[in-house]
Amino acid sequence: MTENLTQAQRIVGSKSKKREKDDFYPTPPAATEALLSVEKFSGAIWEPACGDGAISEVLKRHGHDVYSTDLVFRGYGTSGIDFLIGYHSHVANIITNPPYKLAVPFIEKSLACTTEKTAMLLRLNFLEGKARRKMFESTPLARIHVFSERVQFARDGKDIGRGGGGLIAFAWFVWEHGYSGKPTVDWI
Protein backbone atom coordinates (compact mmCIF):
# COMPACT_ATOMS: atom_id res chain seq x y z
CA MET A 1 0.00 0.00 0.00
CA THR A 2 2.83 2.40 0.84
CA GLU A 3 4.43 1.78 -2.57
CA ASN A 4 1.12 2.65 -4.28
CA LEU A 5 0.76 5.82 -2.21
CA THR A 6 4.31 6.90 -3.01
CA GLN A 7 3.75 6.25 -6.74
CA ALA A 8 0.51 8.24 -6.67
CA GLN A 9 2.20 11.15 -4.91
CA ARG A 10 4.91 11.27 -7.60
CA ILE A 11 2.33 11.32 -10.38
CA VAL A 12 -0.09 13.84 -8.89
CA GLY A 13 2.62 16.27 -7.91
CA SER A 14 2.81 16.09 -4.16
CA LYS A 15 5.94 17.48 -2.58
CA SER A 16 7.48 14.03 -2.73
CA LYS A 17 11.22 14.10 -3.33
CA LYS A 18 10.65 11.30 -5.83
CA ARG A 19 8.63 13.50 -8.22
CA GLU A 20 10.32 13.38 -11.62
CA LYS A 21 12.30 16.49 -12.55
CA ASP A 22 10.53 18.53 -15.24
CA ASP A 23 7.54 16.13 -15.07
CA PHE A 24 9.29 13.64 -17.37
CA TYR A 25 6.89 10.72 -17.66
CA PRO A 26 7.22 9.22 -21.17
CA THR A 27 3.90 8.34 -22.77
CA PRO A 28 3.37 4.62 -23.30
CA PRO A 29 3.00 3.88 -27.04
CA ALA A 30 -0.42 2.29 -26.42
CA ALA A 31 -1.75 5.66 -25.20
CA THR A 32 -0.85 7.37 -28.48
CA GLU A 33 -2.14 4.40 -30.48
CA ALA A 34 -5.45 4.75 -28.61
CA LEU A 35 -5.68 8.43 -29.62
CA LEU A 36 -5.01 7.60 -33.27
CA SER A 37 -7.71 4.93 -33.19
CA VAL A 38 -10.37 7.60 -32.50
CA GLU A 39 -8.95 10.82 -34.00
CA LYS A 40 -7.71 11.59 -37.50
CA PHE A 41 -5.08 14.29 -38.01
CA SER A 42 -4.37 15.98 -41.33
CA GLY A 43 -1.33 18.17 -41.80
CA ALA A 44 1.87 18.49 -39.81
CA ILE A 45 2.02 17.72 -36.10
CA TRP A 46 4.19 19.44 -33.52
CA GLU A 47 5.13 17.61 -30.32
CA PRO A 48 6.44 20.48 -28.12
CA ALA A 49 7.27 18.35 -25.05
CA CYS A 50 8.73 15.39 -26.94
CA GLY A 51 10.94 14.02 -24.16
CA ASP A 52 12.41 10.79 -25.47
CA GLY A 53 10.18 10.77 -28.56
CA ALA A 54 7.55 8.33 -27.28
CA ILE A 55 4.57 10.14 -28.87
CA SER A 56 6.51 11.34 -31.94
CA GLU A 57 7.68 7.86 -32.89
CA VAL A 58 4.14 6.44 -32.84
CA LEU A 59 2.92 9.36 -34.95
CA LYS A 60 5.75 8.83 -37.46
CA ARG A 61 4.95 5.11 -37.71
CA HIS A 62 1.46 6.16 -38.76
CA GLY A 63 2.89 8.32 -41.55
CA HIS A 64 2.56 11.74 -39.93
CA ASP A 65 5.01 14.60 -40.50
CA VAL A 66 6.14 15.39 -36.94
CA TYR A 67 8.23 18.27 -35.60
CA SER A 68 9.60 17.32 -32.15
CA THR A 69 10.97 19.83 -29.63
CA ASP A 70 11.56 20.05 -25.90
CA LEU A 71 13.13 22.40 -23.41
CA VAL A 72 15.30 19.59 -22.01
CA PHE A 73 17.39 17.26 -24.17
CA ARG A 74 16.43 13.62 -23.61
CA GLY A 75 18.06 12.21 -26.72
CA TYR A 76 15.30 13.12 -29.16
CA GLY A 77 14.12 16.10 -31.19
CA THR A 78 15.36 19.66 -31.01
CA SER A 79 16.17 20.73 -27.46
CA GLY A 80 16.40 24.13 -25.84
CA ILE A 81 13.02 25.18 -27.25
CA ASP A 82 10.80 26.73 -24.58
CA PHE A 83 7.39 26.23 -26.12
CA LEU A 84 5.74 28.78 -23.86
CA ILE A 85 7.97 31.76 -24.57
CA GLY A 86 9.30 31.26 -28.07
CA TYR A 87 7.63 32.62 -31.19
CA HIS A 88 6.31 29.91 -33.44
CA SER A 89 4.45 29.98 -36.70
CA HIS A 90 1.24 28.09 -37.18
CA VAL A 91 1.11 24.32 -37.53
CA ALA A 92 -1.95 22.20 -38.24
CA ASN A 93 -1.85 20.11 -35.05
CA ILE A 94 -0.19 19.77 -31.68
CA ILE A 95 -0.20 16.48 -29.79
CA THR A 96 1.58 16.26 -26.45
CA ASN A 97 1.70 15.05 -22.88
CA PRO A 98 2.55 18.42 -21.29
CA PRO A 99 4.15 19.02 -17.90
CA TYR A 100 1.01 18.90 -15.77
CA LYS A 101 1.76 22.08 -13.82
CA LEU A 102 2.00 23.92 -17.16
CA ALA A 103 -1.01 22.29 -18.83
CA VAL A 104 -3.17 25.42 -19.06
CA PRO A 105 -0.41 27.59 -20.60
CA PHE A 106 0.38 24.69 -22.99
CA ILE A 107 -3.26 24.55 -24.05
CA GLU A 108 -3.48 28.31 -24.55
CA LYS A 109 -0.26 28.44 -26.57
CA SER A 110 -1.24 25.37 -28.60
CA LEU A 111 -4.57 26.88 -29.55
CA ALA A 112 -2.78 30.04 -30.67
CA CYS A 113 -0.32 28.02 -32.78
CA THR A 114 -2.63 25.48 -34.44
CA THR A 115 -5.09 25.65 -37.30
CA GLU A 116 -6.69 22.21 -36.88
CA LYS A 117 -6.45 20.24 -33.61
CA THR A 118 -4.72 20.22 -30.26
CA ALA A 119 -4.62 16.96 -28.30
CA MET A 120 -3.33 16.83 -24.72
CA LEU A 121 -2.89 13.77 -22.54
CA LEU A 122 -4.06 14.92 -19.11
CA ARG A 123 -5.38 13.56 -15.86
CA LEU A 124 -9.12 13.14 -15.94
CA ASN A 125 -9.43 15.38 -12.88
CA PHE A 126 -8.13 18.20 -15.08
CA LEU A 127 -11.85 18.80 -15.70
CA GLU A 128 -12.19 20.15 -12.15
CA GLY A 129 -11.81 23.76 -11.06
CA LYS A 130 -13.45 27.14 -11.60
CA ALA A 131 -10.58 28.65 -13.60
CA ARG A 132 -10.36 25.60 -15.85
CA ARG A 133 -14.11 25.63 -16.35
CA LYS A 134 -13.86 29.16 -17.74
CA MET A 135 -11.00 28.05 -19.99
CA PHE A 136 -12.99 25.06 -21.25
CA GLU A 137 -16.06 27.19 -21.91
CA SER A 138 -14.06 29.70 -23.94
CA THR A 139 -12.09 27.22 -26.06
CA PRO A 140 -13.18 24.73 -28.74
CA LEU A 141 -12.86 21.58 -26.60
CA ALA A 142 -14.51 19.00 -28.86
CA ARG A 143 -13.85 15.58 -27.37
CA ILE A 144 -12.56 13.87 -24.24
CA HIS A 145 -11.39 10.29 -24.73
CA VAL A 146 -11.22 8.61 -21.32
CA PHE A 147 -9.03 5.55 -20.90
CA SER A 148 -11.05 2.53 -19.78
CA GLU A 149 -7.88 1.09 -18.28
CA ARG A 150 -5.41 3.12 -16.31
CA VAL A 151 -2.29 4.26 -18.14
CA GLN A 152 0.97 3.21 -16.52
CA PHE A 153 3.82 5.67 -16.98
CA ALA A 154 7.52 4.92 -16.62
CA ARG A 155 9.67 7.03 -14.32
CA ASP A 156 12.40 9.02 -16.06
CA GLY A 157 12.07 6.80 -19.11
CA LYS A 158 12.66 3.64 -17.10
CA ASP A 159 10.26 0.80 -16.38
CA ILE A 160 8.91 1.23 -12.86
CA GLY A 161 8.86 -2.53 -12.35
CA ARG A 162 5.17 -2.93 -11.58
CA GLY A 163 2.56 -4.82 -13.50
CA GLY A 164 -1.02 -3.78 -13.98
CA GLY A 165 -2.45 -0.34 -14.55
CA GLY A 166 -1.44 3.02 -13.18
CA LEU A 167 -3.00 4.83 -10.26
CA ILE A 168 -4.40 7.92 -11.95
CA ALA A 169 -7.21 8.17 -14.53
CA PHE A 170 -6.13 9.84 -17.79
CA ALA A 171 -7.85 11.06 -20.94
CA TRP A 172 -6.98 12.65 -24.25
CA PHE A 173 -8.51 16.14 -24.43
CA VAL A 174 -8.99 17.26 -28.03
CA TRP A 175 -9.64 20.84 -29.12
CA GLU A 176 -10.68 21.42 -32.72
CA HIS A 177 -10.67 24.84 -34.35
CA GLY A 178 -14.12 25.69 -35.65
CA TYR A 179 -15.89 23.36 -33.22
CA SER A 180 -18.76 24.79 -31.22
CA GLY A 181 -21.00 23.19 -28.66
CA LYS A 182 -20.41 20.98 -25.66
CA PRO A 183 -17.59 18.45 -25.79
CA THR A 184 -18.44 14.79 -26.14
CA VAL A 185 -17.03 12.12 -23.84
CA ASP A 186 -16.06 8.70 -25.08
CA TRP A 187 -13.97 5.79 -23.81
CA ILE A 188 -10.86 4.26 -25.32
C-alpha atoms as a PDB file:
ATOM      1  CA  MET A   1       0.000   0.000   0.000  1.00  0.00           C
ATOM      2  CA  THR A   2       2.829   2.398   0.836  1.00  0.00           C
ATOM      3  CA  GLU A   3       4.425   1.782  -2.569  1.00  0.00           C
ATOM      4  CA  ASN A   4       1.115   2.649  -4.282  1.00  0.00           C
ATOM      5  CA  LEU A   5       0.756   5.824  -2.213  1.00  0.00           C
ATOM      6  CA  THR A   6       4.306   6.903  -3.009  1.00  0.00           C
ATOM      7  CA  GLN A   7       3.749   6.246  -6.736  1.00  0.00           C
ATOM      8  CA  ALA A   8       0.508   8.236  -6.669  1.00  0.00           C
ATOM      9  CA  GLN A   9       2.200  11.153  -4.914  1.00  0.00           C
ATOM     10  CA  ARG A  10       4.910  11.267  -7.603  1.00  0.00           C
ATOM     11  CA  ILE A  11       2.327  11.320 -10.380  1.00  0.00           C
ATOM     12  CA  VAL A  12      -0.085  13.839  -8.886  1.00  0.00           C
ATOM     13  CA  GLY A  13       2.622  16.266  -7.909  1.00  0.00           C
ATOM     14  CA  SER A  14       2.808  16.092  -4.160  1.00  0.00           C
ATOM     15  CA  LYS A  15       5.935  17.475  -2.581  1.00  0.00           C
ATOM     16  CA  SER A  16       7.482  14.028  -2.726  1.00  0.00           C
ATOM     17  CA  LYS A  17      11.220  14.099  -3.333  1.00  0.00           C
ATOM     18  CA  LYS A  18      10.646  11.296  -5.832  1.00  0.00           C
ATOM     19  CA  ARG A  19       8.632  13.498  -8.224  1.00  0.00           C
ATOM     20  CA  GLU A  20      10.323  13.383 -11.619  1.00  0.00           C
ATOM     21  CA  LYS A  21      12.302  16.489 -12.545  1.00  0.00           C
ATOM     22  CA  ASP A  22      10.532  18.533 -15.237  1.00  0.00           C
ATOM     23  CA  ASP A  23       7.543  16.132 -15.069  1.00  0.00           C
ATOM     24  CA  PHE A  24       9.287  13.641 -17.366  1.00  0.00           C
ATOM     25  CA  TYR A  25       6.887  10.719 -17.658  1.00  0.00           C
ATOM     26  CA  PRO A  26       7.221   9.217 -21.166  1.00  0.00           C
ATOM     27  CA  THR A  27       3.899   8.345 -22.770  1.00  0.00           C
ATOM     28  CA  PRO A  28       3.370   4.622 -23.304  1.00  0.00           C
ATOM     29  CA  PRO A  29       2.996   3.878 -27.044  1.00  0.00           C
ATOM     30  CA  ALA A  30      -0.419   2.292 -26.424  1.00  0.00           C
ATOM     31  CA  ALA A  31      -1.751   5.658 -25.197  1.00  0.00           C
ATOM     32  CA  THR A  32      -0.852   7.374 -28.476  1.00  0.00           C
ATOM     33  CA  GLU A  33      -2.141   4.401 -30.478  1.00  0.00           C
ATOM     34  CA  ALA A  34      -5.447   4.751 -28.606  1.00  0.00           C
ATOM     35  CA  LEU A  35      -5.683   8.434 -29.617  1.00  0.00           C
ATOM     36  CA  LEU A  36      -5.007   7.603 -33.267  1.00  0.00           C
ATOM     37  CA  SER A  37      -7.712   4.930 -33.191  1.00  0.00           C
ATOM     38  CA  VAL A  38     -10.371   7.599 -32.504  1.00  0.00           C
ATOM     39  CA  GLU A  39      -8.948  10.824 -33.995  1.00  0.00           C
ATOM     40  CA  LYS A  40      -7.709  11.592 -37.502  1.00  0.00           C
ATOM     41  CA  PHE A  41      -5.080  14.293 -38.009  1.00  0.00           C
ATOM     42  CA  SER A  42      -4.365  15.978 -41.328  1.00  0.00           C
ATOM     43  CA  GLY A  43      -1.331  18.171 -41.797  1.00  0.00           C
ATOM     44  CA  ALA A  44       1.869  18.489 -39.814  1.00  0.00           C
ATOM     45  CA  ILE A  45       2.021  17.722 -36.102  1.00  0.00           C
ATOM     46  CA  TRP A  46       4.193  19.442 -33.523  1.00  0.00           C
ATOM     47  CA  GLU A  47       5.127  17.614 -30.325  1.00  0.00           C
ATOM     48  CA  PRO A  48       6.443  20.476 -28.120  1.00  0.00           C
ATOM     49  CA  ALA A  49       7.267  18.346 -25.049  1.00  0.00           C
ATOM     50  CA  CYS A  50       8.730  15.391 -26.937  1.00  0.00           C
ATOM     51  CA  GLY A  51      10.943  14.024 -24.161  1.00  0.00           C
ATOM     52  CA  ASP A  52      12.408  10.788 -25.469  1.00  0.00           C
ATOM     53  CA  GLY A  53      10.183  10.765 -28.560  1.00  0.00           C
ATOM     54  CA  ALA A  54       7.553   8.331 -27.280  1.00  0.00           C
ATOM     55  CA  ILE A  55       4.573  10.143 -28.875  1.00  0.00           C
ATOM     56  CA  SER A  56       6.507  11.337 -31.936  1.00  0.00           C
ATOM     57  CA  GLU A  57       7.678   7.861 -32.886  1.00  0.00           C
ATOM     58  CA  VAL A  58       4.142   6.440 -32.844  1.00  0.00           C
ATOM     59  CA  LEU A  59       2.922   9.356 -34.955  1.00  0.00           C
ATOM     60  CA  LYS A  60       5.745   8.829 -37.463  1.00  0.00           C
ATOM     61  CA  ARG A  61       4.953   5.108 -37.713  1.00  0.00           C
ATOM     62  CA  HIS A  62       1.455   6.163 -38.763  1.00  0.00           C
ATOM     63  CA  GLY A  63       2.893   8.323 -41.548  1.00  0.00           C
ATOM     64  CA  HIS A  64       2.557  11.740 -39.933  1.00  0.00           C
ATOM     65  CA  ASP A  65       5.006  14.595 -40.500  1.00  0.00           C
ATOM     66  CA  VAL A  66       6.144  15.388 -36.944  1.00  0.00           C
ATOM     67  CA  TYR A  67       8.229  18.266 -35.600  1.00  0.00           C
ATOM     68  CA  SER A  68       9.596  17.321 -32.150  1.00  0.00           C
ATOM     69  CA  THR A  69      10.972  19.830 -29.630  1.00  0.00           C
ATOM     70  CA  ASP A  70      11.559  20.046 -25.896  1.00  0.00           C
ATOM     71  CA  LEU A  71      13.128  22.396 -23.408  1.00  0.00           C
ATOM     72  CA  VAL A  72      15.299  19.587 -22.009  1.00  0.00           C
ATOM     73  CA  PHE A  73      17.385  17.256 -24.173  1.00  0.00           C
ATOM     74  CA  ARG A  74      16.430  13.625 -23.612  1.00  0.00           C
ATOM     75  CA  GLY A  75      18.064  12.207 -26.722  1.00  0.00           C
ATOM     76  CA  TYR A  76      15.295  13.123 -29.158  1.00  0.00           C
ATOM     77  CA  GLY A  77      14.115  16.104 -31.189  1.00  0.00           C
ATOM     78  CA  THR A  78      15.360  19.664 -31.011  1.00  0.00           C
ATOM     79  CA  SER A  79      16.167  20.731 -27.458  1.00  0.00           C
ATOM     80  CA  GLY A  80      16.401  24.131 -25.844  1.00  0.00           C
ATOM     81  CA  ILE A  81      13.019  25.182 -27.246  1.00  0.00           C
ATOM     82  CA  ASP A  82      10.795  26.731 -24.585  1.00  0.00           C
ATOM     83  CA  PHE A  83       7.385  26.226 -26.123  1.00  0.00           C
ATOM     84  CA  LEU A  84       5.739  28.779 -23.863  1.00  0.00           C
ATOM     85  CA  ILE A  85       7.972  31.763 -24.575  1.00  0.00           C
ATOM     86  CA  GLY A  86       9.302  31.259 -28.073  1.00  0.00           C
ATOM     87  CA  TYR A  87       7.634  32.617 -31.191  1.00  0.00           C
ATOM     88  CA  HIS A  88       6.310  29.908 -33.443  1.00  0.00           C
ATOM     89  CA  SER A  89       4.453  29.980 -36.699  1.00  0.00           C
ATOM     90  CA  HIS A  90       1.238  28.086 -37.180  1.00  0.00           C
ATOM     91  CA  VAL A  91       1.106  24.321 -37.529  1.00  0.00           C
ATOM     92  CA  ALA A  92      -1.950  22.200 -38.239  1.00  0.00           C
ATOM     93  CA  ASN A  93      -1.853  20.110 -35.053  1.00  0.00           C
ATOM     94  CA  ILE A  94      -0.188  19.771 -31.680  1.00  0.00           C
ATOM     95  CA  ILE A  95      -0.196  16.478 -29.786  1.00  0.00           C
ATOM     96  CA  THR A  96       1.582  16.263 -26.450  1.00  0.00           C
ATOM     97  CA  ASN A  97       1.698  15.052 -22.875  1.00  0.00           C
ATOM     98  CA  PRO A  98       2.554  18.424 -21.288  1.00  0.00           C
ATOM     99  CA  PRO A  99       4.151  19.017 -17.898  1.00  0.00           C
ATOM    100  CA  TYR A 100       1.010  18.901 -15.767  1.00  0.00           C
ATOM    101  CA  LYS A 101       1.762  22.080 -13.825  1.00  0.00           C
ATOM    102  CA  LEU A 102       1.996  23.917 -17.163  1.00  0.00           C
ATOM    103  CA  ALA A 103      -1.006  22.292 -18.833  1.00  0.00           C
ATOM    104  CA  VAL A 104      -3.172  25.421 -19.058  1.00  0.00           C
ATOM    105  CA  PRO A 105      -0.405  27.586 -20.596  1.00  0.00           C
ATOM    106  CA  PHE A 106       0.385  24.693 -22.992  1.00  0.00           C
ATOM    107  CA  ILE A 107      -3.261  24.552 -24.054  1.00  0.00           C
ATOM    108  CA  GLU A 108      -3.485  28.311 -24.553  1.00  0.00           C
ATOM    109  CA  LYS A 109      -0.264  28.440 -26.573  1.00  0.00           C
ATOM    110  CA  SER A 110      -1.243  25.370 -28.598  1.00  0.00           C
ATOM    111  CA  LEU A 111      -4.573  26.878 -29.555  1.00  0.00           C
ATOM    112  CA  ALA A 112      -2.777  30.043 -30.665  1.00  0.00           C
ATOM    113  CA  CYS A 113      -0.319  28.016 -32.779  1.00  0.00           C
ATOM    114  CA  THR A 114      -2.630  25.477 -34.440  1.00  0.00           C
ATOM    115  CA  THR A 115      -5.086  25.646 -37.304  1.00  0.00           C
ATOM    116  CA  GLU A 116      -6.694  22.208 -36.884  1.00  0.00           C
ATOM    117  CA  LYS A 117      -6.451  20.238 -33.613  1.00  0.00           C
ATOM    118  CA  THR A 118      -4.722  20.224 -30.258  1.00  0.00           C
ATOM    119  CA  ALA A 119      -4.616  16.963 -28.301  1.00  0.00           C
ATOM    120  CA  MET A 120      -3.329  16.834 -24.723  1.00  0.00           C
ATOM    121  CA  LEU A 121      -2.886  13.768 -22.540  1.00  0.00           C
ATOM    122  CA  LEU A 122      -4.061  14.919 -19.110  1.00  0.00           C
ATOM    123  CA  ARG A 123      -5.376  13.559 -15.856  1.00  0.00           C
ATOM    124  CA  LEU A 124      -9.121  13.139 -15.944  1.00  0.00           C
ATOM    125  CA  ASN A 125      -9.430  15.378 -12.884  1.00  0.00           C
ATOM    126  CA  PHE A 126      -8.126  18.204 -15.080  1.00  0.00           C
ATOM    127  CA  LEU A 127     -11.847  18.803 -15.705  1.00  0.00           C
ATOM    128  CA  GLU A 128     -12.185  20.154 -12.151  1.00  0.00           C
ATOM    129  CA  GLY A 129     -11.807  23.758 -11.055  1.00  0.00           C
ATOM    130  CA  LYS A 130     -13.454  27.144 -11.595  1.00  0.00           C
ATOM    131  CA  ALA A 131     -10.583  28.648 -13.603  1.00  0.00           C
ATOM    132  CA  ARG A 132     -10.356  25.599 -15.852  1.00  0.00           C
ATOM    133  CA  ARG A 133     -14.114  25.626 -16.355  1.00  0.00           C
ATOM    134  CA  LYS A 134     -13.857  29.159 -17.738  1.00  0.00           C
ATOM    135  CA  MET A 135     -10.997  28.049 -19.990  1.00  0.00           C
ATOM    136  CA  PHE A 136     -12.991  25.055 -21.252  1.00  0.00           C
ATOM    137  CA  GLU A 137     -16.059  27.195 -21.912  1.00  0.00           C
ATOM    138  CA  SER A 138     -14.056  29.705 -23.942  1.00  0.00           C
ATOM    139  CA  THR A 139     -12.085  27.216 -26.061  1.00  0.00           C
ATOM    140  CA  PRO A 140     -13.177  24.726 -28.740  1.00  0.00           C
ATOM    141  CA  LEU A 141     -12.860  21.576 -26.604  1.00  0.00           C
ATOM    142  CA  ALA A 142     -14.511  18.998 -28.859  1.00  0.00           C
ATOM    143  CA  ARG A 143     -13.854  15.575 -27.366  1.00  0.00           C
ATOM    144  CA  ILE A 144     -12.563  13.871 -24.242  1.00  0.00           C
ATOM    145  CA  HIS A 145     -11.388  10.293 -24.734  1.00  0.00           C
ATOM    146  CA  VAL A 146     -11.223   8.612 -21.319  1.00  0.00           C
ATOM    147  CA  PHE A 147      -9.030   5.552 -20.897  1.00  0.00           C
ATOM    148  CA  SER A 148     -11.055   2.532 -19.781  1.00  0.00           C
ATOM    149  CA  GLU A 149      -7.881   1.089 -18.277  1.00  0.00           C
ATOM    150  CA  ARG A 150      -5.408   3.120 -16.305  1.00  0.00           C
ATOM    151  CA  VAL A 151      -2.290   4.260 -18.144  1.00  0.00           C
ATOM    152  CA  GLN A 152       0.972   3.213 -16.516  1.00  0.00           C
ATOM    153  CA  PHE A 153       3.820   5.671 -16.976  1.00  0.00           C
ATOM    154  CA  ALA A 154       7.518   4.921 -16.616  1.00  0.00           C
ATOM    155  CA  ARG A 155       9.672   7.026 -14.325  1.00  0.00           C
ATOM    156  CA  ASP A 156      12.399   9.017 -16.056  1.00  0.00           C
ATOM    157  CA  GLY A 157      12.073   6.800 -19.108  1.00  0.00           C
ATOM    158  CA  LYS A 158      12.660   3.642 -17.099  1.00  0.00           C
ATOM    159  CA  ASP A 159      10.265   0.798 -16.379  1.00  0.00           C
ATOM    160  CA  ILE A 160       8.906   1.229 -12.865  1.00  0.00           C
ATOM    161  CA  GLY A 161       8.855  -2.526 -12.346  1.00  0.00           C
ATOM    162  CA  ARG A 162       5.171  -2.925 -11.578  1.00  0.00           C
ATOM    163  CA  GLY A 163       2.560  -4.820 -13.500  1.00  0.00           C
ATOM    164  CA  GLY A 164      -1.023  -3.776 -13.980  1.00  0.00           C
ATOM    165  CA  GLY A 165      -2.449  -0.341 -14.546  1.00  0.00           C
ATOM    166  CA  GLY A 166      -1.443   3.017 -13.182  1.00  0.00           C
ATOM    167  CA  LEU A 167      -2.997   4.826 -10.256  1.00  0.00           C
ATOM    168  CA  ILE A 168      -4.398   7.924 -11.950  1.00  0.00           C
ATOM    169  CA  ALA A 169      -7.209   8.170 -14.530  1.00  0.00           C
ATOM    170  CA  PHE A 170      -6.134   9.843 -17.787  1.00  0.00           C
ATOM    171  CA  ALA A 171      -7.847  11.060 -20.939  1.00  0.00           C
ATOM    172  CA  TRP A 172      -6.985  12.654 -24.255  1.00  0.00           C
ATOM    173  CA  PHE A 173      -8.512  16.143 -24.426  1.00  0.00           C
ATOM    174  CA  VAL A 174      -8.991  17.258 -28.028  1.00  0.00           C
ATOM    175  CA  TRP A 175      -9.637  20.844 -29.120  1.00  0.00           C
ATOM    176  CA  GLU A 176     -10.685  21.417 -32.720  1.00  0.00           C
ATOM    177  CA  HIS A 177     -10.673  24.843 -34.352  1.00  0.00           C
ATOM    178  CA  GLY A 178     -14.118  25.689 -35.653  1.00  0.00           C
ATOM    179  CA  TYR A 179     -15.889  23.359 -33.220  1.00  0.00           C
ATOM    180  CA  SER A 180     -18.762  24.789 -31.220  1.00  0.00           C
ATOM    181  CA  GLY A 181     -21.004  23.186 -28.662  1.00  0.00           C
ATOM    182  CA  LYS A 182     -20.408  20.976 -25.662  1.00  0.00           C
ATOM    183  CA  PRO A 183     -17.588  18.451 -25.787  1.00  0.00           C
ATOM    184  CA  THR A 184     -18.437  14.785 -26.142  1.00  0.00           C
ATOM    185  CA  VAL A 185     -17.031  12.125 -23.836  1.00  0.00           C
ATOM    186  CA  ASP A 186     -16.062   8.695 -25.081  1.00  0.00           C
ATOM    187  CA  TRP A 187     -13.969   5.789 -23.808  1.00  0.00           C
ATOM    188  CA  ILE A 188     -10.859   4.257 -25.323  1.00  0.00           C
END
